[in-house]
C-alpha atoms as a PDB file:
ATOM      1  CA  MET A   1     240.798 270.844 195.165  1.00  0.00           C
ATOM      2  CA  GLU A   2     243.302 269.024 193.650  1.00  0.00           C
ATOM      3  CA  TYR A   3     245.970 270.208 195.106  1.00  0.00           C
ATOM      4  CA  VAL A   4     244.475 269.117 198.134  1.00  0.00           C
ATOM      5  CA  ALA A   5     244.124 265.376 196.792  1.00  0.00           C
ATOM      6  CA  ILE A   6     246.625 264.675 195.384  1.00  0.00           C
ATOM      7  CA  ALA A   7     249.152 266.296 198.205  1.00  0.00           C
ATOM      8  CA  LEU A   8     246.705 264.134 200.021  1.00  0.00           C
ATOM      9  CA  GLY A   9     247.383 260.896 197.960  1.00  0.00           C
ATOM     10  CA  ILE A  10     251.259 261.625 198.520  1.00  0.00           C
ATOM     11  CA  GLY A  11     251.068 261.920 202.351  1.00  0.00           C
ATOM     12  CA  LYS A  12     249.280 258.240 202.538  1.00  0.00           C
ATOM     13  CA  ALA A  13     251.553 257.106 200.041  1.00  0.00           C
ATOM     14  CA  LEU A  14     255.101 258.367 202.249  1.00  0.00           C
ATOM     15  CA  ASP A  15     253.476 257.487 205.316  1.00  0.00           C
ATOM     16  CA  GLY A  16     253.152 254.153 203.613  1.00  0.00           C
ATOM     17  CA  LEU A  17     256.837 254.169 202.704  1.00  0.00           C
ATOM     18  CA  PHE A  18     257.941 255.413 205.656  1.00  0.00           C
ATOM     19  CA  GLY A  19     256.208 252.495 207.860  1.00  0.00           C
ATOM     20  CA  ALA A  20     257.294 250.334 205.256  1.00  0.00           C
ATOM     21  CA  LYS A  21     260.942 250.256 205.788  1.00  0.00           C
ATOM     22  CA  LYS A  22     260.786 250.623 210.073  1.00  0.00           C
ATOM     23  CA  GLN A  23     258.612 247.418 208.838  1.00  0.00           C
ATOM     24  CA  LYS A  24     261.168 246.017 207.379  1.00  0.00           C
ATOM     25  CA  GLU A  25     264.132 247.117 210.528  1.00  0.00           C
ATOM     26  CA  VAL A  26     261.666 245.032 213.055  1.00  0.00           C
ATOM     27  CA  ASP A  27     261.423 242.596 210.601  1.00  0.00           C
ATOM     28  CA  LYS A  28     265.194 241.851 209.991  1.00  0.00           C
ATOM     29  CA  GLU A  29     265.752 242.312 214.356  1.00  0.00           C
ATOM     30  CA  GLN A  30     263.251 239.392 214.765  1.00  0.00           C
ATOM     31  CA  VAL A  31     265.106 237.485 212.414  1.00  0.00           C
ATOM     32  CA  GLU A  32     268.479 238.314 214.137  1.00  0.00           C
ATOM     33  CA  LEU A  33     267.006 237.424 217.656  1.00  0.00           C
ATOM     34  CA  ALA A  34     265.506 233.963 216.194  1.00  0.00           C
ATOM     35  CA  TRP A  35     268.994 232.973 214.764  1.00  0.00           C
ATOM     36  CA  ARG A  36     270.901 234.633 218.111  1.00  0.00           C
ATOM     37  CA  ASP A  37     268.276 232.122 220.038  1.00  0.00           C
ATOM     38  CA  ASN A  38     269.249 229.234 218.143  1.00  0.00           C
ATOM     39  CA  MET A  39     272.884 229.775 218.060  1.00  0.00           C
ATOM     40  CA  GLU A  40     273.012 229.340 221.893  1.00  0.00           C
ATOM     41  CA  LYS A  41     270.669 226.456 221.552  1.00  0.00           C
ATOM     42  CA  VAL A  42     273.115 224.692 219.550  1.00  0.00           C
ATOM     43  CA  ARG A  43     276.212 226.102 222.633  1.00  0.00           C
ATOM     44  CA  ARG A  44     274.097 224.519 225.129  1.00  0.00           C
ATOM     45  CA  ARG A  45     273.961 221.100 222.591  1.00  0.00           C
ATOM     46  CA  LYS A  46     277.371 221.362 222.576  1.00  0.00           C
ATOM     47  CA  PHE A  47     277.781 221.139 226.153  1.00  0.00           C
ATOM     48  CA  GLU A  48     276.131 218.650 226.986  1.00  0.00           C
ATOM     49  CA  GLN A  49     277.234 216.610 224.422  1.00  0.00           C
ATOM     50  CA  GLU A  50     280.801 217.081 226.228  1.00  0.00           C
ATOM     51  CA  GLN A  51     279.497 216.842 229.129  1.00  0.00           C
ATOM     52  CA  THR A  52     277.429 213.207 228.660  1.00  0.00           C
ATOM     53  CA  GLN A  53     280.637 211.507 226.202  1.00  0.00           C
ATOM     54  CA  GLY A  54     283.332 212.951 229.287  1.00  0.00           C
ATOM     55  CA  ALA A  55     280.755 211.204 231.789  1.00  0.00           C
ATOM     56  CA  ALA A  56     280.561 208.362 229.154  1.00  0.00           C
ATOM     57  CA  LYS A  57     284.644 207.803 228.789  1.00  0.00           C
ATOM     58  CA  ALA A  58     285.106 207.959 233.049  1.00  0.00           C
ATOM     59  CA  LEU A  59     282.418 205.866 233.283  1.00  0.00           C
ATOM     60  CA  SER A  60     283.867 203.223 230.861  1.00  0.00           C
ATOM     61  CA  GLU A  61     287.415 203.955 232.162  1.00  0.00           C
ATOM     62  CA  THR A  62     286.405 203.343 236.405  1.00  0.00           C
ATOM     63  CA  ALA A  63     284.961 199.852 235.128  1.00  0.00           C
ATOM     64  CA  GLY A  64     288.441 199.285 233.590  1.00  0.00           C
ATOM     65  CA  VAL A  65     288.093 199.153 230.336  1.00  0.00           C
ATOM     66  CA  LEU A  66     290.876 200.462 227.662  1.00  0.00           C
ATOM     67  CA  HIS A  67     290.279 203.370 225.353  1.00  0.00           C
ATOM     68  CA  SER A  68     293.262 201.784 222.975  1.00  0.00           C
ATOM     69  CA  GLY A  69     292.610 202.134 219.234  1.00  0.00           C
ATOM     70  CA  GLY A  70     289.749 199.390 218.211  1.00  0.00           C
ATOM     71  CA  SER A  71     288.039 198.378 221.543  1.00  0.00           C
ATOM     72  CA  THR A  72     284.706 198.301 221.620  1.00  0.00           C
ATOM     73  CA  ALA A  73     284.470 201.147 224.116  1.00  0.00           C
ATOM     74  CA  GLN A  74     286.264 203.415 221.754  1.00  0.00           C
ATOM     75  CA  GLY A  75     284.442 202.744 218.834  1.00  0.00           C
ATOM     76  CA  VAL A  76     281.845 203.278 221.002  1.00  0.00           C
ATOM     77  CA  LEU A  77     283.108 206.908 222.260  1.00  0.00           C
ATOM     78  CA  ASP A  78     284.417 207.503 218.481  1.00  0.00           C
ATOM     79  CA  THR A  79     280.472 206.847 216.945  1.00  0.00           C
ATOM     80  CA  MET A  80     279.110 209.191 219.796  1.00  0.00           C
ATOM     81  CA  ALA A  81     281.168 211.714 219.411  1.00  0.00           C
ATOM     82  CA  ARG A  82     280.538 211.767 215.432  1.00  0.00           C
ATOM     83  CA  GLU A  83     276.834 211.437 215.674  1.00  0.00           C
ATOM     84  CA  PHE A  84     277.331 214.226 218.013  1.00  0.00           C
ATOM     85  CA  LYS A  85     279.053 216.303 215.489  1.00  0.00           C
ATOM     86  CA  SER A  86     275.678 215.712 213.035  1.00  0.00           C
ATOM     87  CA  GLU A  87     273.383 217.013 215.400  1.00  0.00           C
ATOM     88  CA  LEU A  88     275.351 220.150 216.125  1.00  0.00           C
ATOM     89  CA  ASP A  89     276.311 220.503 212.656  1.00  0.00           C
ATOM     90  CA  TRP A  90     272.356 220.339 211.538  1.00  0.00           C
ATOM     91  CA  MET A  91     271.357 222.636 214.134  1.00  0.00           C
ATOM     92  CA  THR A  92     273.632 225.127 212.540  1.00  0.00           C
ATOM     93  CA  LYS A  93     273.300 224.541 209.244  1.00  0.00           C
ATOM     94  CA  PHE A  94     268.871 224.991 210.039  1.00  0.00           C
ATOM     95  CA  ALA A  95     269.247 228.166 212.291  1.00  0.00           C
ATOM     96  CA  THR A  96     271.710 229.457 209.266  1.00  0.00           C
ATOM     97  CA  GLU A  97     269.518 228.448 206.691  1.00  0.00           C
ATOM     98  CA  ALA A  98     266.243 229.701 208.905  1.00  0.00           C
ATOM     99  CA  ARG A  99     267.863 233.108 208.844  1.00  0.00           C
ATOM    100  CA  ARG A 100     269.360 233.620 204.949  1.00  0.00           C
ATOM    101  CA  ILE A 101     264.772 233.140 204.202  1.00  0.00           C
ATOM    102  CA  GLY A 102     263.690 235.253 207.382  1.00  0.00           C
ATOM    103  CA  HIS A 103     266.019 237.620 205.737  1.00  0.00           C
ATOM    104  CA  LYS A 104     264.461 237.117 202.229  1.00  0.00           C
ATOM    105  CA  ARG A 105     260.978 237.159 203.055  1.00  0.00           C
ATOM    106  CA  ALA A 106     261.680 240.611 205.412  1.00  0.00           C
ATOM    107  CA  SER A 107     263.121 241.759 201.704  1.00  0.00           C
ATOM    108  CA  VAL A 108     259.930 240.543 199.967  1.00  0.00           C
ATOM    109  CA  ALA A 109     257.353 242.028 202.536  1.00  0.00           C
ATOM    110  CA  HIS A 110     259.444 245.348 202.127  1.00  0.00           C
ATOM    111  CA  GLN A 111     258.965 245.527 198.381  1.00  0.00           C
ATOM    112  CA  THR A 112     255.686 244.971 198.856  1.00  0.00           C
ATOM    113  CA  ASN A 113     254.501 246.792 201.581  1.00  0.00           C
ATOM    114  CA  VAL A 114     255.993 249.717 199.486  1.00  0.00           C
ATOM    115  CA  LEU A 115     254.382 249.025 196.507  1.00  0.00           C
ATOM    116  CA  GLY A 116     251.302 248.874 198.414  1.00  0.00           C
ATOM    117  CA  SER A 117     251.816 251.973 199.665  1.00  0.00           C
ATOM    118  CA  ILE A 118     252.283 253.981 196.507  1.00  0.00           C
ATOM    119  CA  THR A 119     249.177 252.025 195.063  1.00  0.00           C
ATOM    120  CA  GLY A 120     247.313 253.238 198.396  1.00  0.00           C
ATOM    121  CA  GLY A 121     248.155 257.184 197.400  1.00  0.00           C
ATOM    122  CA  ILE A 122     247.697 257.218 193.902  1.00  0.00           C
ATOM    123  CA  GLN A 123     243.996 255.527 194.766  1.00  0.00           C
ATOM    124  CA  THR A 124     243.539 258.671 197.397  1.00  0.00           C
ATOM    125  CA  GLY A 125     244.418 260.622 195.498  1.00  0.00           C
ATOM    126  CA  ALA A 126     242.688 259.773 192.933  1.00  0.00           C
ATOM    127  CA  SER A 127     238.984 258.981 194.678  1.00  0.00           C
ATOM    128  CA  LEU A 128     239.519 262.667 196.207  1.00  0.00           C
ATOM    129  CA  TYR A 129     239.981 264.425 193.023  1.00  0.00           C
ATOM    130  CA  ASN A 130     237.100 262.513 191.579  1.00  0.00           C
ATOM    131  CA  ALA A 131     234.982 263.323 194.053  1.00  0.00           C
END
């Protein structure tokens, strides 16, 4: 009976270890998917911004506004460009930080699952051994 208890405890621990490894892979894939989605949002936002800037410049030029250095129209376009760049920089930084934290979370969850698997295996073996 002792060997059966030990074998079942080891089996439970190994099953948990393999499951923990698979879960870590799934967690990391999910993090990468979210990061790619965020980067696609950045790409789309950049496209929208370029369209907005182009339309603003075209409209003002159609109205006969000059875009020389120091003009109000050029100042507005420059401010728009700076704000758009700040927005894209923030979105990219957010996506990158979320990715980093997601990978860290997956690693911590993996360690927790490994320890839980070993503990569960020991408890299974001990409960059968003592029965």
